[in-house]
């Protein structure tokens, strides 16, 4: 839109500022040919007024009238051998034709408005056609749902056309309200000319298809801008497909992350009413399982979480989601049952296939655009992000720690972390193993080993105090 406006102002140079004081020199817009600088007092008043009127006519859809005048001016300039001026008019004509290109509409009349209502009555789309071309289009959201299209259009017609000028003689509607005839008479009396409100028919098939397509796009864009609406639909869908007694207003998600089976951490995120509630997030350093054993880690995290629910008298979540498949689901259910609890219900969401596993042994495959699936994916992905961010911070601290040793820079520290993901594994390795696996000179490996032993000693001393 901004590009189009800049182009239009080059064709019809008018000011785009609100400067009221007199300027001594024209601004950059004038130098660029997008304004005749009326603020300097040097612009031709008649010419400037003509530019404003031509722009108004163009924007109202009267491109044919503007083009006719410009072609006449170009002809006169050429006859008077004012070739530069004729070339200017030629460029303006080409520019207008380029802007108008593709905007023509096939319809039995040239001037009309079309009002299309959505199925739920929450929005209407207004398409203005002037001179056989689209002169304007805009969606209007009525902040109401579940009403008939007739009522939505009646509300819009009464509110919109009572405060606008430049009304066409014909208003076409997708749903004809009962009071259309009376409203048409009222508008006719106000404008002192006939205004008809009629139901759109098949002769306007092309323009109606355009309005319907744009209305759908506007509603989809609005849904994306209103996450609460999407979340509400997702919660309702999850209640239905998972046979829950009510929408799962509190969903908790569990994810397990590690570096090659070391430094395993579990994350727990909370979504309230479909939105992240970060103040309730928790991390769990896995203590009971070693190596790559995600189900065991899931069982530990779920048990520790539910122990806190019992201990502190908290209400359990309405739904617990674990990242993974049947193994992770079984582990989470086992942790819950070990505490003698019947809730919360547990589901697992597998990556790639995006299959939902339930306690009843179901495998649910929802459409990729399903609000319920999108909500579960958001919980799962947020739990993963929360766990990985912790590992990255720990890895960054370890990298900085290694670089304190003389002879170890960023490259060698990175190589060490690739071979020894945790400080514990690095501390257990011999000088020879460190030197060989990380391709370090033996003296640097020896210096690192001494540093780690000193570091462990300092930790032991501080822990004994």
Protein backbone atom coordinates (compact mmCIF):
# COMPACT_ATOMS: atom_id res chain seq x y z
CA UNK A 1 0.00 0.00 0.00
CA UNK A 2 2.80 2.44 0.85
CA UNK A 3 4.46 1.74 -2.51
CA UNK A 4 1.18 2.40 -4.33
CA UNK A 5 0.67 5.66 -2.44
CA UNK A 6 4.16 6.87 -3.32
CA UNK A 7 3.48 6.09 -6.96
CA UNK A 8 0.12 7.89 -6.90
CA UNK A 9 1.70 10.97 -5.37
CA UNK A 10 4.25 11.01 -8.17
CA UNK A 11 1.32 11.04 -10.61
CA UNK A 12 -0.69 13.58 -8.61
CA UNK A 13 1.79 15.68 -6.55
CA UNK A 14 0.02 16.64 -3.31
CA UNK A 15 1.37 17.21 0.17
CA UNK A 16 1.35 14.44 2.78
CA UNK A 17 2.27 16.56 5.82
CA UNK A 18 0.43 18.79 8.26
CA UNK A 19 2.95 21.65 8.33
CA UNK A 20 1.01 24.92 8.68
CA UNK A 21 3.91 27.35 8.99
CA UNK A 22 5.48 28.87 5.90
CA UNK A 23 8.70 27.21 4.75
CA UNK A 24 11.56 29.08 3.13
CA UNK A 25 12.71 26.03 1.16
CA UNK A 26 10.82 23.04 -0.23
CA UNK A 27 11.34 19.69 1.51
CA UNK A 28 12.71 16.47 0.02
CA UNK A 29 9.23 15.38 -1.17
CA UNK A 30 9.17 18.36 -3.55
CA UNK A 31 12.65 17.55 -4.85
CA UNK A 32 11.47 13.98 -5.51
CA UNK A 33 8.52 15.27 -7.53
CA UNK A 34 5.89 14.04 -5.07
CA UNK A 35 4.73 17.51 -3.95
CA UNK A 36 4.56 21.00 -5.50
CA UNK A 37 5.49 22.58 -2.12
CA UNK A 38 2.42 24.75 -1.43
CA UNK A 39 3.96 25.46 1.99
CA UNK A 40 6.52 27.75 0.30
CA UNK A 41 3.81 29.87 -1.32
CA UNK A 42 5.34 29.30 -4.74
CA UNK A 43 3.03 26.53 -6.00
CA UNK A 44 0.35 27.35 -8.53
CA UNK A 45 -2.88 27.26 -6.52
CA UNK A 46 -5.07 26.27 -9.47
CA UNK A 47 -2.69 23.49 -10.53
CA UNK A 48 -2.44 22.14 -6.97
CA UNK A 49 -6.23 22.12 -6.54
CA UNK A 50 -6.52 20.28 -9.84
CA UNK A 51 -4.06 17.61 -8.62
CA UNK A 52 -6.12 17.12 -5.45
CA UNK A 53 -9.37 16.78 -7.39
CA UNK A 54 -7.82 14.38 -9.92
CA UNK A 55 -6.48 12.22 -7.09
CA UNK A 56 -9.91 12.17 -5.42
CA UNK A 57 -11.55 11.17 -8.70
CA UNK A 58 -8.98 8.46 -9.29
CA UNK A 59 -9.39 6.98 -5.80
CA UNK A 60 -13.19 7.03 -6.18
CA UNK A 61 -12.82 4.86 -9.28
CA UNK A 62 -13.13 7.48 -12.05
CA UNK A 63 -9.94 6.45 -13.83
CA UNK A 64 -11.59 6.76 -17.26
CA UNK A 65 -12.40 10.44 -16.74
CA UNK A 66 -8.90 11.23 -15.49
CA UNK A 67 -7.29 9.37 -18.39
CA UNK A 68 -9.47 11.20 -20.92
CA UNK A 69 -8.35 14.60 -19.61
CA UNK A 70 -4.70 13.57 -19.49
CA UNK A 71 -4.77 12.29 -23.07
CA UNK A 72 -6.26 15.59 -24.20
CA UNK A 73 -3.50 17.49 -22.36
CA UNK A 74 -0.85 15.27 -23.95
CA UNK A 75 -2.32 15.91 -27.40
CA UNK A 76 -2.33 19.70 -26.91
CA UNK A 77 1.22 19.71 -25.54
CA UNK A 78 2.40 17.71 -28.53
CA UNK A 79 0.67 20.07 -31.00
CA UNK A 80 2.32 23.05 -29.29
CA UNK A 81 5.67 21.21 -29.55
CA UNK A 82 6.02 21.07 -25.77
CA UNK A 83 7.49 17.62 -26.05
CA UNK A 84 8.83 17.36 -22.48
CA UNK A 85 5.38 18.16 -21.10
CA UNK A 86 3.78 15.70 -23.52
CA UNK A 87 6.24 13.01 -22.38
CA UNK A 88 5.33 13.77 -18.75
CA UNK A 89 1.60 13.31 -19.47
CA UNK A 90 2.41 10.10 -21.35
CA UNK A 91 4.23 8.70 -18.29
CA UNK A 92 1.34 9.70 -16.02
CA UNK A 93 -1.13 7.92 -18.32
CA UNK A 94 1.00 4.78 -18.33
CA UNK A 95 1.27 4.89 -14.55
CA UNK A 96 -2.49 5.13 -14.10
CA UNK A 97 -3.05 2.28 -16.52
CA UNK A 98 -0.51 0.18 -14.62
CA UNK A 99 -2.18 0.84 -11.26
CA UNK A 100 -5.63 0.07 -12.70
CA UNK A 101 -4.43 -3.04 -14.51
CA UNK A 102 -6.30 -6.19 -13.48
CA UNK A 103 -8.85 -4.31 -11.39
CA UNK A 104 -11.69 -4.43 -13.93
CA UNK A 105 -14.81 -6.41 -13.06
CA UNK A 106 -17.26 -8.18 -15.38
CA UNK A 107 -20.75 -7.14 -14.25
CA UNK A 108 -23.97 -5.88 -15.87
CA UNK A 109 -23.66 -2.48 -14.13
CA UNK A 110 -20.65 -0.25 -13.56
CA UNK A 111 -21.35 1.36 -10.19
CA UNK A 112 -22.44 -0.64 -7.15
CA UNK A 113 -21.45 -1.90 -3.71
CA UNK A 114 -21.47 -5.58 -2.78
CA UNK A 115 -21.85 -6.60 0.87
CA UNK A 116 -20.98 -10.24 1.64
CA UNK A 117 -21.69 -11.73 5.10
CA UNK A 118 -19.80 -14.61 6.70
CA UNK A 119 -21.63 -17.81 7.67
CA UNK A 120 -21.46 -17.04 11.37
CA UNK A 121 -22.47 -13.41 10.96
CA UNK A 122 -19.33 -12.16 12.71
CA UNK A 123 -18.07 -10.22 9.69
CA UNK A 124 -19.08 -8.63 6.39
CA UNK A 125 -16.96 -7.67 3.41
CA UNK A 126 -17.65 -4.49 1.45
CA UNK A 127 -16.52 -4.35 -2.17
CA UNK A 128 -16.96 -1.07 -4.04
CA UNK A 129 -17.10 -1.03 -7.84
CA UNK A 130 -16.97 2.28 -9.70
CA UNK A 131 -16.74 2.62 -13.44
CA UNK A 132 -16.50 -1.15 -13.78
CA UNK A 133 -13.38 -1.35 -11.61
CA UNK A 134 -12.73 -2.20 -7.98
CA UNK A 135 -12.46 1.14 -6.20
CA UNK A 136 -12.28 -0.12 -2.62
CA UNK A 137 -12.60 -3.20 -0.45
CA UNK A 138 -12.67 -3.63 3.31
CA UNK A 139 -13.72 -6.23 5.92
CA UNK A 140 -15.83 -5.18 8.90
CA UNK A 141 -15.96 -7.28 12.08
CA UNK A 142 -19.23 -6.97 13.98
CA UNK A 143 -18.13 -8.48 17.33
CA UNK A 144 -20.99 -10.94 17.26
CA UNK A 145 -21.24 -14.60 16.31
CA UNK A 146 -23.98 -17.11 15.67
CA UNK A 147 -26.36 -14.62 14.02
CA UNK A 148 -27.98 -15.03 10.62
CA UNK A 149 -26.39 -13.34 7.62
CA UNK A 150 -29.55 -11.25 7.12
CA UNK A 151 -29.24 -9.74 10.60
CA UNK A 152 -25.50 -9.11 10.19
CA UNK A 153 -26.06 -7.28 6.90
CA UNK A 154 -29.01 -5.30 8.26
CA UNK A 155 -26.86 -4.10 11.16
CA UNK A 156 -24.02 -3.17 8.84
CA UNK A 157 -26.21 -1.32 6.31
CA UNK A 158 -27.85 0.78 9.02
CA UNK A 159 -24.57 1.71 10.71
CA UNK A 160 -22.33 2.18 7.66
CA UNK A 161 -24.50 3.92 5.08
CA UNK A 162 -25.99 6.35 7.58
CA UNK A 163 -22.60 8.08 7.86
CA UNK A 164 -20.97 7.88 4.42
CA UNK A 165 -21.25 9.96 1.28
CA UNK A 166 -20.67 8.98 -2.33
CA UNK A 167 -23.16 6.13 -2.19
CA UNK A 168 -23.81 4.18 -5.42
CA UNK A 169 -27.33 3.74 -6.83
CA UNK A 170 -27.19 -0.04 -6.19
CA UNK A 171 -26.21 -2.01 -3.09
CA UNK A 172 -26.04 -5.79 -3.58
CA UNK A 173 -26.16 -8.07 -0.53
CA UNK A 174 -25.49 -11.78 -0.05
CA UNK A 175 -28.42 -12.06 2.40
CA UNK A 176 -31.41 -9.75 1.89
CA UNK A 177 -32.75 -8.48 5.25
CA UNK A 178 -36.47 -7.97 5.83
CA UNK A 179 -36.08 -4.21 6.20
CA UNK A 180 -34.10 -3.75 2.96
CA UNK A 181 -36.87 -1.96 1.09
CA UNK A 182 -37.54 0.46 3.93
CA UNK A 183 -33.82 1.14 4.39
CA UNK A 184 -33.48 1.79 0.64
CA UNK A 185 -36.26 4.41 0.82
CA UNK A 186 -34.57 6.02 3.83
CA UNK A 187 -31.22 6.27 2.01
CA UNK A 188 -32.93 7.59 -1.13
CA UNK A 189 -34.63 10.34 0.86
CA UNK A 190 -31.35 11.28 2.52
CA UNK A 191 -29.45 11.49 -0.80
CA UNK A 192 -32.40 12.83 -2.84
CA UNK A 193 -31.87 10.10 -5.44
CA UNK A 194 -32.86 6.47 -5.76
CA UNK A 195 -30.80 3.85 -3.89
CA UNK A 196 -31.79 0.21 -4.34
CA UNK A 197 -30.82 -2.68 -2.05
CA UNK A 198 -31.07 -6.03 -3.85
CA UNK A 199 -29.96 -9.61 -3.39
CA UNK A 200 -26.90 -10.48 -5.48
CA UNK A 201 -27.62 -12.85 -8.38
CA UNK A 202 -25.60 -15.03 -10.74
CA UNK A 203 -24.87 -12.13 -13.10
CA UNK A 204 -22.46 -10.85 -10.44
CA UNK A 205 -20.81 -14.25 -10.00
CA UNK A 206 -17.25 -12.96 -10.58
CA UNK A 207 -17.39 -10.04 -8.18
CA UNK A 208 -19.11 -12.12 -5.49
CA UNK A 209 -16.44 -14.83 -5.75
CA UNK A 210 -13.83 -12.12 -5.19
CA UNK A 211 -15.67 -10.80 -2.12
CA UNK A 212 -16.11 -14.30 -0.65
CA UNK A 213 -12.44 -15.13 -1.20
CA UNK A 214 -11.29 -11.90 0.43
CA UNK A 215 -13.71 -12.35 3.34
CA UNK A 216 -12.32 -15.82 4.07
CA UNK A 217 -8.77 -14.45 3.93
CA UNK A 218 -9.70 -11.61 6.30
CA UNK A 219 -11.26 -14.01 8.80
CA UNK A 220 -8.23 -16.32 8.69
CA UNK A 221 -5.88 -13.37 9.20
CA UNK A 222 -7.98 -12.22 12.16
CA UNK A 223 -7.87 -15.69 13.70
CA UNK A 224 -4.08 -15.62 13.50
CA UNK A 225 -4.03 -12.22 15.19
CA UNK A 226 -6.34 -13.41 17.96
CA UNK A 227 -4.60 -16.37 19.63
CA UNK A 228 -7.20 -16.46 22.36
CA UNK A 229 -9.86 -17.34 19.79
CA UNK A 230 -7.70 -20.10 18.35
CA UNK A 231 -6.91 -21.38 21.85
CA UNK A 232 -10.59 -21.43 22.76
CA UNK A 233 -11.38 -23.56 19.73
CA UNK A 234 -8.40 -25.81 20.48
CA UNK A 235 -9.49 -26.40 24.08
CA UNK A 236 -13.01 -27.24 22.96
CA UNK A 237 -11.73 -29.69 20.34
CA UNK A 238 -9.41 -31.42 22.84
CA UNK A 239 -12.31 -31.86 25.24
CA UNK A 240 -14.29 -33.57 22.48
CA UNK A 241 -11.63 -35.81 20.90
CA UNK A 242 -10.10 -36.86 24.25
CA UNK A 243 -13.52 -37.34 25.93
CA UNK A 244 -12.65 -34.97 28.77
CA UNK A 245 -15.39 -33.75 31.13
CA UNK A 246 -14.52 -30.10 30.43
CA UNK A 247 -12.05 -28.05 28.36
CA UNK A 248 -8.47 -28.59 29.67
CA UNK A 249 -7.90 -25.04 30.90
CA UNK A 250 -4.61 -26.06 32.56
CA UNK A 251 -2.33 -28.17 30.37
CA UNK A 252 1.13 -29.19 31.59
CA UNK A 253 3.77 -30.42 29.15
CA UNK A 254 6.83 -32.56 29.93
CA UNK A 255 9.96 -32.86 27.78
CA UNK A 256 13.30 -34.59 28.38
CA UNK A 257 16.57 -33.29 26.93
CA UNK A 258 20.16 -34.40 27.31
CA UNK A 259 23.55 -34.28 25.65
CA UNK A 260 24.40 -37.81 24.52
CA UNK A 261 22.73 -39.26 27.60
CA UNK A 262 24.48 -36.86 30.01
CA UNK A 263 23.24 -33.80 31.89
CA UNK A 264 19.67 -35.03 31.44
CA UNK A 265 17.10 -32.40 32.35
CA UNK A 266 13.31 -32.55 32.42
CA UNK A 267 11.18 -29.50 31.77
CA UNK A 268 7.59 -28.84 32.76
CA UNK A 269 5.64 -25.99 31.18
CA UNK A 270 2.13 -24.79 31.98
CA UNK A 271 -0.51 -23.39 29.63
CA UNK A 272 -3.50 -21.64 31.18
CA UNK A 273 -6.49 -21.02 28.90
CA UNK A 274 -4.31 -22.00 25.95
CA UNK A 275 -1.50 -19.54 26.70
CA UNK A 276 1.94 -20.02 28.29
CA UNK A 277 2.05 -19.24 32.04
CA UNK A 278 5.83 -18.93 32.48
CA UNK A 279 5.75 -18.23 36.21
CA UNK A 280 4.71 -21.88 36.73
CA UNK A 281 7.49 -23.43 34.62
CA UNK A 282 9.83 -25.89 36.37
CA UNK A 283 13.06 -27.77 35.54
CA UNK A 284 14.08 -31.11 37.00
CA UNK A 285 17.65 -32.42 37.03
CA UNK A 286 17.27 -36.16 36.50
CA UNK A 287 18.75 -38.08 39.43
CA UNK A 288 17.47 -41.66 39.20
CA UNK A 289 18.28 -42.75 35.64
CA UNK A 290 21.50 -42.64 33.65
CA UNK A 291 22.20 -42.74 29.96
CA UNK A 292 19.58 -42.32 27.27
CA UNK A 293 16.39 -43.50 28.96
CA UNK A 294 13.64 -41.00 28.23
CA UNK A 295 10.75 -43.10 29.64
CA UNK A 296 12.52 -43.44 33.01
CA UNK A 297 13.22 -39.69 33.04
CA UNK A 298 9.57 -38.94 32.20
CA UNK A 299 8.43 -41.19 35.04
CA UNK A 300 10.70 -39.35 37.49
CA UNK A 301 9.54 -35.89 36.39
CA UNK A 302 5.85 -36.80 36.51
CA UNK A 303 6.18 -38.45 39.91
CA UNK A 304 8.07 -35.47 41.39
CA UNK A 305 5.50 -33.07 39.92
CA UNK A 306 2.54 -35.01 41.33
CA UNK A 307 4.26 -35.39 44.71
CA UNK A 308 4.28 -31.61 44.91
CA UNK A 309 0.59 -31.51 43.94
CA UNK A 310 -0.22 -33.87 46.84
CA UNK A 311 2.20 -32.26 49.30
CA UNK A 312 1.10 -28.66 48.72
CA UNK A 313 -2.55 -29.38 48.04
CA UNK A 314 -2.44 -28.00 44.50
CA UNK A 315 -5.10 -28.91 41.99
CA UNK A 316 -3.72 -31.29 39.34
CA UNK A 317 -3.62 -30.17 35.70
CA UNK A 318 -6.62 -30.86 33.49
CA UNK A 319 -4.34 -32.59 30.99
CA UNK A 320 -0.74 -33.81 31.10
CA UNK A 321 1.13 -33.99 27.79
CA UNK A 322 4.42 -35.86 27.37
CA UNK A 323 6.67 -35.62 24.35
CA UNK A 324 7.09 -39.04 22.75
CA UNK A 325 5.16 -42.21 22.07
CA UNK A 326 3.76 -45.22 23.88
CA UNK A 327 6.88 -45.70 26.05
CA UNK A 328 6.74 -42.17 27.47
CA UNK A 329 2.94 -42.37 27.89
CA UNK A 330 3.20 -45.66 29.81
CA UNK A 331 5.91 -44.23 32.07
CA UNK A 332 3.82 -41.15 32.92
CA UNK A 333 0.73 -43.25 33.71
CA UNK A 334 2.86 -45.58 35.86
CA UNK A 335 4.15 -42.60 37.89
CA UNK A 336 0.60 -41.37 38.48
CA UNK A 337 -0.71 -44.80 39.48
CA UNK A 338 2.22 -45.36 41.86
CA UNK A 339 0.82 -42.47 43.89
CA UNK A 340 -2.71 -43.84 43.88
CA UNK A 341 -4.04 -40.96 41.77
CA UNK A 342 -6.71 -41.24 39.08
CA UNK A 343 -5.86 -37.96 37.41
CA UNK A 344 -4.73 -36.05 35.50
CA UNK A 345 -5.45 -37.68 32.13
CA UNK A 346 -2.24 -38.22 30.15
CA UNK A 347 -1.57 -38.12 26.41
CA UNK A 348 1.63 -38.36 24.38
CA UNK A 349 2.41 -36.55 21.14
CA UNK A 350 4.91 -38.13 18.78
CA UNK A 351 7.08 -35.92 16.61
CA UNK A 352 6.97 -36.02 12.79
CA UNK A 353 3.84 -38.17 12.55
CA UNK A 354 2.08 -35.92 15.12
CA UNK A 355 0.10 -38.91 16.43
CA UNK A 356 -1.72 -38.45 19.74
CA UNK A 357 -1.51 -41.55 22.00
CA UNK A 358 -4.15 -41.85 24.71
CA UNK A 359 -4.45 -44.00 27.84
CA UNK A 360 -7.26 -45.95 26.18
CA UNK A 361 -4.83 -47.21 23.55
CA UNK A 362 -6.10 -44.88 20.83
CA UNK A 363 -3.93 -43.37 18.13
CA UNK A 364 -5.50 -40.09 17.06
CA UNK A 365 -4.38 -38.41 13.85
CA UNK A 366 -5.95 -34.95 13.63
CA UNK A 367 -5.70 -32.67 10.57
CA UNK A 368 -2.54 -30.53 10.59
CA UNK A 369 -4.68 -27.38 10.75
CA UNK A 370 -6.72 -28.71 13.69
CA UNK A 371 -6.87 -26.14 16.56
CA UNK A 372 -6.54 -28.96 19.11
CA UNK A 373 -3.42 -30.37 17.47
CA UNK A 374 -1.92 -26.90 17.06
CA UNK A 375 -2.41 -26.27 20.78
CA UNK A 376 -0.77 -29.57 21.78
CA UNK A 377 2.12 -28.83 19.41
CA UNK A 378 2.56 -25.41 21.01
CA UNK A 379 2.77 -27.00 24.50
CA UNK A 380 5.17 -29.71 23.31
CA UNK A 381 7.44 -27.27 21.46
CA UNK A 382 7.49 -24.85 24.40
CA UNK A 383 8.52 -27.65 26.79
CA UNK A 384 11.32 -28.64 24.42
CA UNK A 385 12.50 -25.03 24.05
CA UNK A 386 12.53 -24.58 27.83
CA UNK A 387 14.63 -27.71 28.39
CA UNK A 388 17.09 -27.01 25.57
CA UNK A 389 17.61 -23.40 26.66
CA UNK A 390 18.76 -24.67 30.06
CA UNK A 391 21.24 -27.11 28.50
CA UNK A 392 22.60 -24.38 26.24
CA UNK A 393 23.18 -22.08 29.21
CA UNK A 394 24.97 -24.85 31.11
CA UNK A 395 27.04 -25.67 28.06
CA UNK A 396 27.94 -22.00 27.63
CA UNK A 397 29.10 -21.77 31.27
CA UNK A 398 31.18 -24.93 30.89
CA UNK A 399 32.75 -23.56 27.72
CA UNK A 400 33.74 -20.35 29.52
CA UNK A 401 35.15 -22.42 32.38
CA UNK A 402 37.36 -24.45 30.04
CA UNK A 403 38.71 -21.30 28.40
CA UNK A 404 40.20 -20.23 31.74
CA UNK A 405 42.90 -22.86 31.17
CA UNK A 406 45.99 -21.57 29.38
CA UNK A 407 46.17 -22.99 25.85
CA UNK A 408 42.41 -23.55 25.50
CA UNK A 409 40.56 -21.07 23.33
CA UNK A 410 37.11 -21.12 21.82
CA UNK A 411 37.92 -23.76 19.17
CA UNK A 412 39.54 -26.19 21.61
CA UNK A 413 36.79 -25.64 24.19
CA UNK A 414 34.17 -26.47 21.56
CA UNK A 415 36.06 -29.63 20.58
CA UNK A 416 36.30 -30.70 24.23
CA UNK A 417 32.55 -30.29 24.69
CA UNK A 418 31.88 -32.34 21.58
CA UNK A 419 33.93 -35.21 23.05
CA UNK A 420 33.03 -34.74 26.72
CA UNK A 421 29.52 -33.24 27.03
CA UNK A 422 29.65 -32.94 30.83
CA UNK A 423 32.15 -31.79 33.40
CA UNK A 424 31.77 -35.12 35.21
CA UNK A 425 32.76 -37.15 32.14
CA UNK A 426 35.70 -34.84 31.46
CA UNK A 427 36.86 -35.12 35.08
CA UNK A 428 36.85 -38.92 34.93
CA UNK A 429 39.00 -39.03 31.76
CA UNK A 430 42.78 -39.45 31.96
CA UNK A 431 45.28 -36.96 30.53
CA UNK A 432 46.03 -39.36 27.66
CA UNK A 433 42.33 -39.81 26.83
CA UNK A 434 41.71 -36.05 26.85
CA UNK A 435 44.74 -35.46 24.66
CA UNK A 436 43.77 -38.11 22.10
CA UNK A 437 40.00 -37.55 21.90
CA UNK A 438 40.14 -33.74 21.85
CA UNK A 439 43.38 -33.54 19.80
CA UNK A 440 45.11 -31.43 22.48
CA UNK A 441 48.85 -31.18 23.15
CA UNK A 442 49.68 -33.36 26.16
CA UNK A 443 50.86 -30.40 28.24
CA UNK A 444 47.53 -28.58 27.66
CA UNK A 445 45.58 -31.73 28.56
CA UNK A 446 47.69 -32.08 31.72
CA UNK A 447 47.08 -28.45 32.62
CA UNK A 448 43.33 -28.97 32.13
CA UNK A 449 43.32 -32.09 34.29
CA UNK A 450 45.08 -30.23 37.11
CA UNK A 451 42.60 -27.35 36.79
CA UNK A 452 39.63 -29.71 37.03
CA UNK A 453 41.08 -31.47 40.08
CA UNK A 454 41.65 -28.10 41.79
CA UNK A 455 38.11 -27.06 40.89
CA UNK A 456 36.69 -30.26 42.36
CA UNK A 457 38.78 -29.75 45.48
CA UNK A 458 37.45 -26.22 45.94
CA UNK A 459 33.89 -27.48 45.56
CA UNK A 460 34.54 -30.17 48.16
CA UNK A 461 35.97 -27.65 50.60
CA UNK A 462 33.03 -25.29 50.17
CA UNK A 463 30.59 -28.16 50.60
CA UNK A 464 32.18 -29.30 53.89
CA UNK A 465 31.89 -25.91 55.53
